[in-house]
């Protein structure tokens, strides 16, 4: 296996990881900003207030997007395993 093939598979792995993680991080960021805005408007300075909404939002996104995420990870794994016989020393 030459360096081009190794770079291709590393790039694919990073792309899949970002694609799977981006919705979760995006929702956590949006909910965190909304809770921070709510705290600033109401002058509530409770540090733990943002954890529960974030956890609920991430759980909801996982519930909705888990089949898609699992399919994406399964497809990548199947492609990687199917490539193994083509690797020459």
Protein backbone atom coordinates (compact mmCIF):
# COMPACT_ATOMS: atom_id res chain seq x y z
CA UNK A 1 0.00 0.00 0.00
CA UNK A 2 1.43 3.32 -1.01
CA UNK A 3 1.01 6.63 0.75
CA UNK A 4 -1.80 7.79 -1.55
CA UNK A 5 -4.01 4.90 -0.50
CA UNK A 6 -3.22 5.41 3.17
CA UNK A 7 -4.02 9.12 2.88
CA UNK A 8 -7.27 8.31 1.10
CA UNK A 9 -8.42 6.01 3.91
CA UNK A 10 -7.36 8.47 6.60
CA UNK A 11 -9.23 11.25 4.81
CA UNK A 12 -12.32 9.04 4.51
CA UNK A 13 -12.16 8.16 8.21
CA UNK A 14 -11.90 11.81 9.23
CA UNK A 15 -14.73 12.75 6.85
CA UNK A 16 -17.00 10.07 8.30
CA UNK A 17 -16.11 11.09 11.87
CA UNK A 18 -16.88 14.75 11.16
CA UNK A 19 -20.09 13.85 9.33
CA UNK A 20 -21.30 11.74 12.24
CA UNK A 21 -20.23 14.17 14.95
CA UNK A 22 -21.26 17.47 13.35
CA UNK A 23 -25.01 17.22 14.00
CA UNK A 24 -24.44 16.44 17.67
CA UNK A 25 -21.94 19.25 18.13
CA UNK A 26 -24.10 21.68 16.19
CA UNK A 27 -27.16 20.98 18.31
CA UNK A 28 -25.13 21.22 21.52
CA UNK A 29 -23.74 24.57 20.36
CA UNK A 30 -27.15 25.94 19.40
CA UNK A 31 -28.79 24.83 22.65
CA UNK A 32 -25.87 26.20 24.66
CA UNK A 33 -26.19 29.58 22.95
CA UNK A 34 -29.95 29.67 23.54
CA UNK A 35 -29.56 28.78 27.21
CA UNK A 36 -26.80 31.38 27.61
CA UNK A 37 -29.00 33.99 25.99
CA UNK A 38 -31.87 33.01 28.31
CA UNK A 39 -29.55 33.25 31.31
CA UNK A 40 -28.33 36.68 30.24
CA UNK A 41 -31.87 37.99 29.71
CA UNK A 42 -33.22 36.64 33.02
CA UNK A 43 -30.04 37.25 35.04
CA UNK A 44 -29.98 33.62 36.15
CA UNK A 45 -26.36 32.68 36.74
CA UNK A 46 -26.70 28.97 37.42
CA UNK A 47 -23.79 27.10 35.83
CA UNK A 48 -25.54 23.73 35.72
CA UNK A 49 -28.64 25.02 33.91
CA UNK A 50 -27.23 24.34 30.45
CA UNK A 51 -26.47 20.64 30.99
CA UNK A 52 -30.01 19.25 31.04
CA UNK A 53 -31.25 21.01 27.86
CA UNK A 54 -28.06 20.01 26.04
CA UNK A 55 -28.38 16.39 27.13
CA UNK A 56 -32.04 16.26 26.09
CA UNK A 57 -31.32 17.88 22.72
CA UNK A 58 -28.42 15.53 22.00
CA UNK A 59 -30.53 12.53 23.05
CA UNK A 60 -33.28 13.66 20.67
CA UNK A 61 -30.82 14.11 17.80
CA UNK A 62 -29.33 10.69 18.50
CA UNK A 63 -32.79 9.16 18.56
CA UNK A 64 -33.66 10.74 15.22
CA UNK A 65 -30.33 10.36 13.42
CA UNK A 66 -29.00 7.09 14.86
CA UNK A 67 -30.11 4.95 11.86
CA UNK A 68 -28.40 7.31 9.43
CA UNK A 69 -25.24 7.49 11.55
CA UNK A 70 -25.12 3.73 11.93
CA UNK A 71 -25.60 3.25 8.18
CA UNK A 72 -22.79 5.69 7.42
CA UNK A 73 -20.42 3.95 9.84
CA UNK A 74 -21.42 0.51 8.57
CA UNK A 75 -20.86 1.50 4.94
CA UNK A 76 -17.42 2.90 5.74
CA UNK A 77 -16.45 -0.21 7.71
CA UNK A 78 -17.66 -2.51 4.92
CA UNK A 79 -15.64 -0.53 2.36
CA UNK A 80 -12.54 -0.66 4.53
CA UNK A 81 -12.85 -4.40 5.13
CA UNK A 82 -13.51 -5.11 1.44
CA UNK A 83 -10.31 -3.24 0.58
CA UNK A 84 -8.11 -5.40 2.84
CA UNK A 85 -7.56 -8.20 0.26
CA UNK A 86 -6.31 -5.60 -2.23
CA UNK A 87 -3.52 -4.45 0.05
CA UNK A 88 -0.18 -5.65 -1.21
CA UNK A 89 2.97 -5.75 0.83
